[in-house]
Amino acid sequence: MSQENVELMRRMLDASNRRDRSAYLALLDPDIEWLPPKEWPEASTIHGREAAWDFAVELEGPWEQGAYELVDVIRWRR
């Protein structure tokens, strides 16, 4: 992953931790498509920034609210 993408992830996590929806959405491509793993109950493709934000917020629902921190970056392939 490029350093530019690592910084983008840091900014996205920061916006998410602050619950700054506008900042988070501004970092996403308007045509984003998010494909959750097929094993997840929410396995359908998410289309667009708004849906991506809603999905990310919904994912956190079952856990106690806290902050995320980018500790390590690994390359992952399907």
PDB file of N, CA and C in Angstrom:
ATOM      1  N   MET A   1       0.850  -1.164   0.000  1.00  0.00           N
ATOM      2  CA  MET A   1       0.000   0.000   0.000  1.00  0.00           C
ATOM      3  C   MET A   1       0.899   1.232   0.000  1.00  0.00           C
ATOM      4  N   SER A   2       0.576   2.202  -0.831  1.00  0.00           N
ATOM      5  CA  SER A   2       1.388   3.404  -0.914  1.00  0.00           C
ATOM      6  C   SER A   2       1.246   4.242   0.353  1.00  0.00           C
ATOM      7  N   GLN A   3       2.230   5.076   0.606  1.00  0.00           N
ATOM      8  CA  GLN A   3       2.163   5.973   1.762  1.00  0.00           C
ATOM      9  C   GLN A   3       0.955   6.902   1.651  1.00  0.00           C
ATOM     10  N   GLU A   4       0.624   7.285   0.434  1.00  0.00           N
ATOM     11  CA  GLU A   4      -0.555   8.135   0.209  1.00  0.00           C
ATOM     12  C   GLU A   4      -1.832   7.434   0.675  1.00  0.00           C
ATOM     13  N   ASN A   5      -1.954   6.144   0.370  1.00  0.00           N
ATOM     14  CA  ASN A   5      -3.132   5.387   0.807  1.00  0.00           C
ATOM     15  C   ASN A   5      -3.136   5.173   2.314  1.00  0.00           C
ATOM     16  N   VAL A   6      -1.972   4.989   2.913  1.00  0.00           N
ATOM     17  CA  VAL A   6      -1.883   4.851   4.367  1.00  0.00           C
ATOM     18  C   VAL A   6      -2.372   6.141   5.024  1.00  0.00           C
ATOM     19  N   GLU A   7      -1.946   7.283   4.503  1.00  0.00           N
ATOM     20  CA  GLU A   7      -2.393   8.570   5.056  1.00  0.00           C
ATOM     21  C   GLU A   7      -3.890   8.759   4.872  1.00  0.00           C
ATOM     22  N   LEU A   8      -4.414   8.321   3.743  1.00  0.00           N
ATOM     23  CA  LEU A   8      -5.850   8.395   3.512  1.00  0.00           C
ATOM     24  C   LEU A   8      -6.593   7.568   4.565  1.00  0.00           C
ATOM     25  N   MET A   9      -6.095   6.374   4.843  1.00  0.00           N
ATOM     26  CA  MET A   9      -6.719   5.529   5.869  1.00  0.00           C
ATOM     27  C   MET A   9      -6.659   6.199   7.242  1.00  0.00           C
ATOM     28  N   ARG A  10      -5.542   6.817   7.561  1.00  0.00           N
ATOM     29  CA  ARG A  10      -5.422   7.531   8.837  1.00  0.00           C
ATOM     30  C   ARG A  10      -6.464   8.649   8.933  1.00  0.00           C
ATOM     31  N   ARG A  11      -6.628   9.392   7.845  1.00  0.00           N
ATOM     32  CA  ARG A  11      -7.600  10.482   7.843  1.00  0.00           C
ATOM     33  C   ARG A  11      -9.031   9.956   7.948  1.00  0.00           C
ATOM     34  N   MET A  12      -9.300   8.839   7.283  1.00  0.00           N
ATOM     35  CA  MET A  12     -10.641   8.243   7.377  1.00  0.00           C
ATOM     36  C   MET A  12     -10.931   7.765   8.794  1.00  0.00           C
ATOM     37  N   LEU A  13      -9.952   7.106   9.412  1.00  0.00           N
ATOM     38  CA  LEU A  13     -10.146   6.651  10.794  1.00  0.00           C
ATOM     39  C   LEU A  13     -10.334   7.828  11.739  1.00  0.00           C
ATOM     40  N   ASP A  14      -9.561   8.883  11.537  1.00  0.00           N
ATOM     41  CA  ASP A  14      -9.705  10.069  12.370  1.00  0.00           C
ATOM     42  C   ASP A  14     -11.107  10.659  12.229  1.00  0.00           C
ATOM     43  N   ALA A  15     -11.582  10.799  11.006  1.00  0.00           N
ATOM     44  CA  ALA A  15     -12.929  11.335  10.780  1.00  0.00           C
ATOM     45  C   ALA A  15     -13.982  10.422  11.411  1.00  0.00           C
ATOM     46  N   SER A  16     -13.804   9.124  11.265  1.00  0.00           N
ATOM     47  CA  SER A  16     -14.740   8.165  11.853  1.00  0.00           C
ATOM     48  C   SER A  16     -14.724   8.252  13.376  1.00  0.00           C
ATOM     49  N   ASN A  17     -13.543   8.314  13.970  1.00  0.00           N
ATOM     50  CA  ASN A  17     -13.431   8.404  15.431  1.00  0.00           C
ATOM     51  C   ASN A  17     -14.096   9.670  15.974  1.00  0.00           C
ATOM     52  N   ARG A  18     -14.040  10.749  15.203  1.00  0.00           N
ATOM     53  CA  ARG A  18     -14.658  12.014  15.620  1.00  0.00           C
ATOM     54  C   ARG A  18     -16.131  12.066  15.242  1.00  0.00           C
ATOM     55  N   ARG A  19     -16.602  11.029  14.557  1.00  0.00           N
ATOM     56  CA  ARG A  19     -17.967  10.981  14.036  1.00  0.00           C
ATOM     57  C   ARG A  19     -18.236  12.172  13.123  1.00  0.00           C
ATOM     58  N   ASP A  20     -17.200  12.542  12.361  1.00  0.00           N
ATOM     59  CA  ASP A  20     -17.285  13.669  11.434  1.00  0.00           C
ATOM     60  C   ASP A  20     -17.692  13.137  10.062  1.00  0.00           C
ATOM     61  N   ARG A  21     -18.977  13.021   9.889  1.00  0.00           N
ATOM     62  CA  ARG A  21     -19.539  12.437   8.669  1.00  0.00           C
ATOM     63  C   ARG A  21     -19.080  13.197   7.422  1.00  0.00           C
ATOM     64  N   SER A  22     -19.132  14.504   7.461  1.00  0.00           N
ATOM     65  CA  SER A  22     -18.756  15.312   6.294  1.00  0.00           C
ATOM     66  C   SER A  22     -17.304  15.070   5.882  1.00  0.00           C
ATOM     67  N   ALA A  23     -16.400  15.039   6.858  1.00  0.00           N
ATOM     68  CA  ALA A  23     -14.983  14.809   6.560  1.00  0.00           C
ATOM     69  C   ALA A  23     -14.781  13.403   5.990  1.00  0.00           C
ATOM     70  N   TYR A  24     -15.466  12.420   6.549  1.00  0.00           N
ATOM     71  CA  TYR A  24     -15.362  11.043   6.083  1.00  0.00           C
ATOM     72  C   TYR A  24     -15.846  10.934   4.634  1.00  0.00           C
ATOM     73  N   LEU A  25     -17.024  11.505   4.361  1.00  0.00           N
ATOM     74  CA  LEU A  25     -17.585  11.422   3.015  1.00  0.00           C
ATOM     75  C   LEU A  25     -16.701  12.113   1.990  1.00  0.00           C
ATOM     76  N   ALA A  26     -16.065  13.211   2.392  1.00  0.00           N
ATOM     77  CA  ALA A  26     -15.197  13.959   1.474  1.00  0.00           C
ATOM     78  C   ALA A  26     -13.984  13.138   1.038  1.00  0.00           C
ATOM     79  N   LEU A  27     -13.599  12.144   1.826  1.00  0.00           N
ATOM     80  CA  LEU A  27     -12.440  11.318   1.508  1.00  0.00           C
ATOM     81  C   LEU A  27     -12.772  10.157   0.569  1.00  0.00           C
ATOM     82  N   LEU A  28     -14.054   9.884   0.382  1.00  0.00           N
ATOM     83  CA  LEU A  28     -14.473   8.755  -0.445  1.00  0.00           C
ATOM     84  C   LEU A  28     -14.780   9.187  -1.868  1.00  0.00           C
ATOM     85  N   ASP A  29     -14.493   8.316  -2.807  1.00  0.00           N
ATOM     86  CA  ASP A  29     -14.885   8.528  -4.190  1.00  0.00           C
ATOM     87  C   ASP A  29     -16.417   8.490  -4.253  1.00  0.00           C
ATOM     88  N   PRO A  30     -17.030   9.399  -4.995  1.00  0.00           N
ATOM     89  CA  PRO A  30     -18.498   9.400  -5.087  1.00  0.00           C
ATOM     90  C   PRO A  30     -19.063   8.080  -5.610  1.00  0.00           C
ATOM     91  N   ASP A  31     -18.288   7.357  -6.389  1.00  0.00           N
ATOM     92  CA  ASP A  31     -18.759   6.098  -6.976  1.00  0.00           C
ATOM     93  C   ASP A  31     -18.256   4.872  -6.224  1.00  0.00           C
ATOM     94  N   ILE A  32     -17.935   5.039  -4.949  1.00  0.00           N
ATOM     95  CA  ILE A  32     -17.405   3.917  -4.165  1.00  0.00           C
ATOM     96  C   ILE A  32     -18.350   2.719  -4.213  1.00  0.00           C
ATOM     97  N   GLU A  33     -17.759   1.547  -4.306  1.00  0.00           N
ATOM     98  CA  GLU A  33     -18.473   0.281  -4.153  1.00  0.00           C
ATOM     99  C   GLU A  33     -17.711  -0.527  -3.119  1.00  0.00           C
ATOM    100  N   TRP A  34     -18.373  -0.885  -2.065  1.00  0.00           N
ATOM    101  CA  TRP A  34     -17.778  -1.605  -0.952  1.00  0.00           C
ATOM    102  C   TRP A  34     -18.354  -3.010  -0.968  1.00  0.00           C
ATOM    103  N   LEU A  35     -17.482  -3.990  -1.095  1.00  0.00           N
ATOM    104  CA  LEU A  35     -17.928  -5.380  -1.133  1.00  0.00           C
ATOM    105  C   LEU A  35     -17.530  -6.077   0.157  1.00  0.00           C
ATOM    106  N   PRO A  36     -18.473  -6.234   1.086  1.00  0.00           N
ATOM    107  CA  PRO A  36     -18.154  -6.974   2.315  1.00  0.00           C
ATOM    108  C   PRO A  36     -17.853  -8.432   1.969  1.00  0.00           C
ATOM    109  N   PRO A  37     -17.129  -9.112   2.853  1.00  0.00           N
ATOM    110  CA  PRO A  37     -16.878 -10.538   2.610  1.00  0.00           C
ATOM    111  C   PRO A  37     -18.197 -11.292   2.426  1.00  0.00           C
ATOM    112  N   LYS A  38     -18.207 -12.242   1.517  1.00  0.00           N
ATOM    113  CA  LYS A  38     -19.447 -12.959   1.200  1.00  0.00           C
ATOM    114  C   LYS A  38     -19.996 -13.749   2.380  1.00  0.00           C
ATOM    115  N   GLU A  39     -19.153 -14.012   3.389  1.00  0.00           N
ATOM    116  CA  GLU A  39     -19.594 -14.760   4.565  1.00  0.00           C
ATOM    117  C   GLU A  39     -20.402 -13.891   5.532  1.00  0.00           C
ATOM    118  N   TRP A  40     -20.349 -12.585   5.376  1.00  0.00           N
ATOM    119  CA  TRP A  40     -21.053 -11.682   6.283  1.00  0.00           C
ATOM    120  C   TRP A  40     -22.543 -11.694   5.987  1.00  0.00           C
ATOM    121  N   PRO A  41     -23.353 -11.485   7.004  1.00  0.00           N
ATOM    122  CA  PRO A  41     -24.805 -11.378   6.759  1.00  0.00           C
ATOM    123  C   PRO A  41     -25.129 -10.199   5.836  1.00  0.00           C
ATOM    124  N   GLU A  42     -24.329  -9.127   5.937  1.00  0.00           N
ATOM    125  CA  GLU A  42     -24.529  -7.932   5.114  1.00  0.00           C
ATOM    126  C   GLU A  42     -23.629  -8.044   3.886  1.00  0.00           C
ATOM    127  N   ALA A  43     -23.837  -9.051   3.079  1.00  0.00           N
ATOM    128  CA  ALA A  43     -22.898  -9.345   2.004  1.00  0.00           C
ATOM    129  C   ALA A  43     -23.195  -8.624   0.693  1.00  0.00           C
ATOM    130  N   SER A  44     -24.261  -7.851   0.624  1.00  0.00           N
ATOM    131  CA  SER A  44     -24.540  -7.172  -0.640  1.00  0.00           C
ATOM    132  C   SER A  44     -23.628  -5.954  -0.806  1.00  0.00           C
ATOM    133  N   THR A  45     -23.369  -5.590  -2.039  1.00  0.00           N
ATOM    134  CA  THR A  45     -22.482  -4.476  -2.356  1.00  0.00           C
ATOM    135  C   THR A  45     -23.090  -3.156  -1.905  1.00  0.00           C
ATOM    136  N   ILE A  46     -22.261  -2.327  -1.291  1.00  0.00           N
ATOM    137  CA  ILE A  46     -22.670  -0.999  -0.849  1.00  0.00           C
ATOM    138  C   ILE A  46     -22.245  -0.026  -1.939  1.00  0.00           C
ATOM    139  N   HIS A  47     -23.168   0.824  -2.368  1.00  0.00           N
ATOM    140  CA  HIS A  47     -22.910   1.768  -3.448  1.00  0.00           C
ATOM    141  C   HIS A  47     -23.022   3.200  -2.942  1.00  0.00           C
ATOM    142  N   GLY A  48     -21.973   3.997  -3.173  1.00  0.00           N
ATOM    143  CA  GLY A  48     -22.014   5.422  -2.871  1.00  0.00           C
ATOM    144  C   GLY A  48     -21.523   5.781  -1.480  1.00  0.00           C
ATOM    145  N   ARG A  49     -21.134   7.050  -1.338  1.00  0.00           N
ATOM    146  CA  ARG A  49     -20.562   7.549  -0.081  1.00  0.00           C
ATOM    147  C   ARG A  49     -21.516   7.428   1.102  1.00  0.00           C
ATOM    148  N   GLU A  50     -22.748   7.878   0.914  1.00  0.00           N
ATOM    149  CA  GLU A  50     -23.722   7.871   2.014  1.00  0.00           C
ATOM    150  C   GLU A  50     -23.938   6.447   2.535  1.00  0.00           C
ATOM    151  N   ALA A  51     -24.093   5.521   1.610  1.00  0.00           N
ATOM    152  CA  ALA A  51     -24.302   4.123   2.004  1.00  0.00           C
ATOM    153  C   ALA A  51     -23.070   3.567   2.705  1.00  0.00           C
ATOM    154  N   ALA A  52     -21.878   3.967   2.255  1.00  0.00           N
ATOM    155  CA  ALA A  52     -20.641   3.500   2.898  1.00  0.00           C
ATOM    156  C   ALA A  52     -20.558   4.012   4.336  1.00  0.00           C
ATOM    157  N   TRP A  53     -20.899   5.292   4.548  1.00  0.00           N
ATOM    158  CA  TRP A  53     -20.911   5.845   5.911  1.00  0.00           C
ATOM    159  C   TRP A  53     -21.917   5.088   6.780  1.00  0.00           C
ATOM    160  N   ASP A  54     -23.128   4.919   6.277  1.00  0.00           N
ATOM    161  CA  ASP A  54     -24.172   4.227   7.042  1.00  0.00           C
ATOM    162  C   ASP A  54     -23.736   2.811   7.400  1.00  0.00           C
ATOM    163  N   PHE A  55     -23.114   2.129   6.448  1.00  0.00           N
ATOM    164  CA  PHE A  55     -22.658   0.764   6.690  1.00  0.00           C
ATOM    165  C   PHE A  55     -21.568   0.731   7.761  1.00  0.00           C
ATOM    166  N   ALA A  56     -20.612   1.648   7.660  1.00  0.00           N
ATOM    167  CA  ALA A  56     -19.521   1.695   8.637  1.00  0.00           C
ATOM    168  C   ALA A  56     -20.059   1.966  10.043  1.00  0.00           C
ATOM    169  N   VAL A  57     -21.000   2.884  10.164  1.00  0.00           N
ATOM    170  CA  VAL A  57     -21.591   3.201  11.466  1.00  0.00           C
ATOM    171  C   VAL A  57     -22.358   1.996  12.001  1.00  0.00           C
ATOM    172  N   GLU A  58     -23.102   1.329  11.129  1.00  0.00           N
ATOM    173  CA  GLU A  58     -23.876   0.155  11.533  1.00  0.00           C
ATOM    174  C   GLU A  58     -22.971  -0.987  11.997  1.00  0.00           C
ATOM    175  N   LEU A  59     -21.802  -1.143  11.360  1.00  0.00           N
ATOM    176  CA  LEU A  59     -20.871  -2.198  11.753  1.00  0.00           C
ATOM    177  C   LEU A  59     -20.422  -2.051  13.201  1.00  0.00           C
ATOM    178  N   GLU A  60     -20.310  -0.809  13.662  1.00  0.00           N
ATOM    179  CA  GLU A  60     -19.828  -0.548  15.017  1.00  0.00           C
ATOM    180  C   GLU A  60     -20.912  -0.743  16.073  1.00  0.00           C
ATOM    181  N   GLY A  61     -22.150  -0.850  15.657  1.00  0.00           N
ATOM    182  CA  GLY A  61     -23.279  -0.919  16.579  1.00  0.00           C
ATOM    183  C   GLY A  61     -23.147  -1.904  17.731  1.00  0.00           C
ATOM    184  N   PRO A  62     -22.754  -3.145  17.479  1.00  0.00           N
ATOM    185  CA  PRO A  62     -22.713  -4.126  18.561  1.00  0.00           C
ATOM    186  C   PRO A  62     -21.609  -3.909  19.598  1.00  0.00           C
ATOM    187  N   TRP A  63     -20.630  -3.056  19.295  1.00  0.00           N
ATOM    188  CA  TRP A  63     -19.498  -2.881  20.197  1.00  0.00           C
ATOM    189  C   TRP A  63     -19.565  -1.552  20.935  1.00  0.00           C
ATOM    190  N   GLU A  64     -18.909  -1.528  22.063  1.00  0.00           N
ATOM    191  CA  GLU A  64     -18.790  -0.285  22.819  1.00  0.00           C
ATOM    192  C   GLU A  64     -18.030   0.733  21.972  1.00  0.00           C
ATOM    193  N   GLN A  65     -18.553   1.959  21.954  1.00  0.00           N
ATOM    194  CA  GLN A  65     -17.916   2.985  21.136  1.00  0.00           C
ATOM    195  C   GLN A  65     -16.518   3.284  21.653  1.00  0.00           C
ATOM    196  N   GLY A  66     -15.585   3.382  20.748  1.00  0.00           N
ATOM    197  CA  GLY A  66     -14.195   3.687  21.070  1.00  0.00           C
ATOM    198  C   GLY A  66     -13.503   4.185  19.825  1.00  0.00           C
ATOM    199  N   ALA A  67     -12.251   4.468  19.937  1.00  0.00           N
ATOM    200  CA  ALA A  67     -11.486   4.979  18.806  1.00  0.00           C
ATOM    201  C   ALA A  67     -10.682   3.857  18.161  1.00  0.00           C
ATOM    202  N   TYR A  68     -10.547   3.947  16.854  1.00  0.00           N
ATOM    203  CA  TYR A  68      -9.714   3.014  16.116  1.00  0.00           C
ATOM    204  C   TYR A  68      -8.377   3.667  15.840  1.00  0.00           C
ATOM    205  N   GLU A  69      -7.356   2.834  15.738  1.00  0.00           N
ATOM    206  CA  GLU A  69      -6.015   3.328  15.450  1.00  0.00           C
ATOM    207  C   GLU A  69      -5.391   2.427  14.398  1.00  0.00           C
ATOM    208  N   LEU A  70      -4.784   3.029  13.393  1.00  0.00           N
ATOM    209  CA  LEU A  70      -4.088   2.270  12.368  1.00  0.00           C
ATOM    210  C   LEU A  70      -2.720   1.894  12.922  1.00  0.00           C
ATOM    211  N   VAL A  71      -2.516   0.607  13.148  1.00  0.00           N
ATOM    212  CA  VAL A  71      -1.283   0.134  13.777  1.00  0.00           C
ATOM    213  C   VAL A  71      -0.336  -0.432  12.730  1.00  0.00           C
ATOM    214  N   ASP A  72      -0.868  -1.204  11.821  1.00  0.00           N
ATOM    215  CA  ASP A  72      -0.024  -1.868  10.832  1.00  0.00           C
ATOM    216  C   ASP A  72      -0.829  -2.008   9.545  1.00  0.00           C
ATOM    217  N   VAL A  73      -0.152  -1.991   8.434  1.00  0.00           N
ATOM    218  CA  VAL A  73      -0.795  -2.145   7.138  1.00  0.00           C
ATOM    219  C   VAL A  73      -0.221  -3.391   6.485  1.00  0.00           C
ATOM    220  N   ILE A  74      -1.120  -4.258   6.052  1.00  0.00           N
ATOM    221  CA  ILE A  74      -0.703  -5.466   5.333  1.00  0.00           C
ATOM    222  C   ILE A  74      -1.428  -5.500   3.997  1.00  0.00           C
ATOM    223  N   ARG A  75      -0.841  -6.159   3.062  1.00  0.00           N
ATOM    224  CA  ARG A  75      -1.495  -6.316   1.770  1.00  0.00           C
ATOM    225  C   ARG A  75      -2.334  -7.579   1.835  1.00  0.00           C
ATOM    226  N   TRP A  76      -3.597  -7.427   1.426  1.00  0.00           N
ATOM    227  CA  TRP A  76      -4.527  -8.540   1.496  1.00  0.00           C
ATOM    228  C   TRP A  76      -5.180  -8.718   0.140  1.00  0.00           C
ATOM    229  N   ARG A  77      -5.281  -9.953  -0.290  1.00  0.00           N
ATOM    230  CA  ARG A  77      -5.929 -10.268  -1.561  1.00  0.00           C
ATOM    231  C   ARG A  77      -7.028 -11.272  -1.327  1.00  0.00           C
ATOM    232  N   ARG A  78      -8.053 -11.157  -2.134  1.00  0.00           N
ATOM    233  CA  ARG A  78      -9.132 -12.147  -2.106  1.00  0.00           C
ATOM    234  C   ARG A  78      -8.718 -13.368  -2.858  1.00  0.00           C
TER     235      ARG A  78
END
